[in-house]
Amino acid sequence: MRIIDFYIGRFTHHSASTTFITLAVFVGICVSGVVRFLEQVKGY
């Protein structure tokens, strides 16, 4: 059990930065899409 917890903790710590970067990019794309949509709605 301790070995499994250590492995999971190490994997989570290693992939934490990758997950954060992926979420940041995803949020950025969503925000830019919403901004473009609002600009189109205001334009028309």
N, C-alpha and C. Protein backbone atom coordinates (compact mmCIF):
# COMPACT_ATOMS: atom_id res chain seq x y z
N MET A 1 0.84 -1.19 0.00
CA MET A 1 0.00 0.00 0.00
C MET A 1 0.88 1.25 0.00
N ARG A 2 1.91 1.24 0.81
CA ARG A 2 2.77 2.42 0.87
C ARG A 2 3.47 2.64 -0.47
N ILE A 3 3.87 1.54 -1.12
CA ILE A 3 4.56 1.68 -2.41
C ILE A 3 3.59 2.25 -3.46
N ILE A 4 2.35 1.77 -3.43
CA ILE A 4 1.37 2.26 -4.41
C ILE A 4 1.10 3.74 -4.16
N ASP A 5 0.93 4.13 -2.90
CA ASP A 5 0.69 5.54 -2.59
C ASP A 5 1.87 6.39 -3.05
N PHE A 6 3.09 5.88 -2.84
CA PHE A 6 4.28 6.63 -3.25
C PHE A 6 4.30 6.80 -4.77
N TYR A 7 3.97 5.72 -5.49
CA TYR A 7 3.98 5.78 -6.96
C TYR A 7 2.91 6.75 -7.46
N ILE A 8 1.71 6.68 -6.87
CA ILE A 8 0.63 7.57 -7.29
C ILE A 8 1.00 9.02 -6.98
N GLY A 9 1.56 9.26 -5.79
CA GLY A 9 1.97 10.61 -5.43
C GLY A 9 3.02 11.14 -6.38
N ARG A 10 3.98 10.29 -6.75
CA ARG A 10 5.03 10.73 -7.66
C ARG A 10 4.44 11.02 -9.04
N PHE A 11 3.55 10.15 -9.51
CA PHE A 11 2.93 10.35 -10.82
C PHE A 11 2.09 11.64 -10.83
N THR A 12 1.33 11.85 -9.76
CA THR A 12 0.50 13.05 -9.68
C THR A 12 1.37 14.30 -9.65
N HIS A 13 2.46 14.24 -8.88
CA HIS A 13 3.34 15.41 -8.79
C HIS A 13 4.00 15.67 -10.13
N HIS A 14 4.37 14.61 -10.85
CA HIS A 14 5.05 14.78 -12.14
C HIS A 14 4.09 15.34 -13.19
N SER A 15 2.84 14.88 -13.18
CA SER A 15 1.89 15.30 -14.22
C SER A 15 1.10 16.53 -13.80
N ALA A 16 1.38 17.08 -12.62
CA ALA A 16 0.61 18.24 -12.16
C ALA A 16 0.86 19.42 -13.08
N SER A 17 2.13 19.68 -13.43
CA SER A 17 2.44 20.82 -14.29
C SER A 17 1.83 20.63 -15.67
N THR A 18 1.89 19.41 -16.19
CA THR A 18 1.32 19.17 -17.52
C THR A 18 -0.19 19.38 -17.50
N THR A 19 -0.84 18.90 -16.45
CA THR A 19 -2.29 19.09 -16.34
C THR A 19 -2.62 20.57 -16.22
N PHE A 20 -1.82 21.32 -15.44
CA PHE A 20 -2.07 22.75 -15.27
C PHE A 20 -1.94 23.48 -16.60
N ILE A 21 -0.90 23.13 -17.37
CA ILE A 21 -0.69 23.79 -18.66
C ILE A 21 -1.85 23.47 -19.60
N THR A 22 -2.29 22.21 -19.59
CA THR A 22 -3.41 21.83 -20.46
C THR A 22 -4.67 22.59 -20.08
N LEU A 23 -4.93 22.70 -18.78
CA LEU A 23 -6.13 23.42 -18.34
C LEU A 23 -6.01 24.90 -18.71
N ALA A 24 -4.82 25.47 -18.55
CA ALA A 24 -4.62 26.89 -18.87
C ALA A 24 -4.89 27.14 -20.35
N VAL A 25 -4.38 26.25 -21.21
CA VAL A 25 -4.60 26.42 -22.65
C VAL A 25 -6.09 26.26 -22.97
N PHE A 26 -6.72 25.26 -22.36
CA PHE A 26 -8.14 25.02 -22.61
C PHE A 26 -8.98 26.22 -22.19
N VAL A 27 -8.68 26.78 -21.01
CA VAL A 27 -9.43 27.94 -20.52
C VAL A 27 -9.19 29.13 -21.44
N GLY A 28 -7.93 29.30 -21.89
CA GLY A 28 -7.62 30.41 -22.78
C GLY A 28 -8.41 30.32 -24.08
N ILE A 29 -8.51 29.11 -24.63
CA ILE A 29 -9.26 28.92 -25.88
C ILE A 29 -10.74 29.22 -25.64
N CYS A 30 -11.27 28.75 -24.53
CA CYS A 30 -12.68 28.99 -24.23
C CYS A 30 -12.95 30.48 -24.06
N VAL A 31 -12.08 31.18 -23.35
CA VAL A 31 -12.27 32.61 -23.11
C VAL A 31 -12.21 33.37 -24.43
N SER A 32 -11.23 33.04 -25.28
CA SER A 32 -11.12 33.74 -26.56
C SER A 32 -12.34 33.46 -27.43
N GLY A 33 -12.85 32.22 -27.37
CA GLY A 33 -14.04 31.90 -28.15
C GLY A 33 -15.25 32.68 -27.67
N VAL A 34 -15.41 32.80 -26.35
CA VAL A 34 -16.54 33.56 -25.80
C VAL A 34 -16.41 35.03 -26.18
N VAL A 35 -15.19 35.56 -26.12
CA VAL A 35 -14.99 36.98 -26.46
C VAL A 35 -15.34 37.21 -27.92
N ARG A 36 -14.91 36.32 -28.80
CA ARG A 36 -15.25 36.48 -30.22
C ARG A 36 -16.75 36.39 -30.43
N PHE A 37 -17.40 35.47 -29.72
CA PHE A 37 -18.84 35.32 -29.86
C PHE A 37 -19.55 36.59 -29.41
N LEU A 38 -19.12 37.16 -28.28
CA LEU A 38 -19.75 38.39 -27.79
C LEU A 38 -19.50 39.53 -28.75
N GLU A 39 -18.30 39.59 -29.34
CA GLU A 39 -18.02 40.66 -30.30
C GLU A 39 -18.92 40.53 -31.52
N GLN A 40 -19.16 39.30 -31.99
CA GLN A 40 -20.04 39.11 -33.14
C GLN A 40 -21.47 39.50 -32.78
N VAL A 41 -21.92 39.14 -31.58
CA VAL A 41 -23.28 39.49 -31.16
C VAL A 41 -23.42 41.00 -31.08
N LYS A 42 -22.42 41.68 -30.53
CA LYS A 42 -22.49 43.14 -30.43
C LYS A 42 -22.38 43.77 -31.81
N GLY A 43 -21.57 43.16 -32.69
CA GLY A 43 -21.39 43.71 -34.04
C GLY A 43 -22.68 43.66 -34.83
N TYR A 44 -23.40 42.54 -34.73
CA TYR A 44 -24.66 42.42 -35.45
C TYR A 44 -25.82 42.93 -34.61
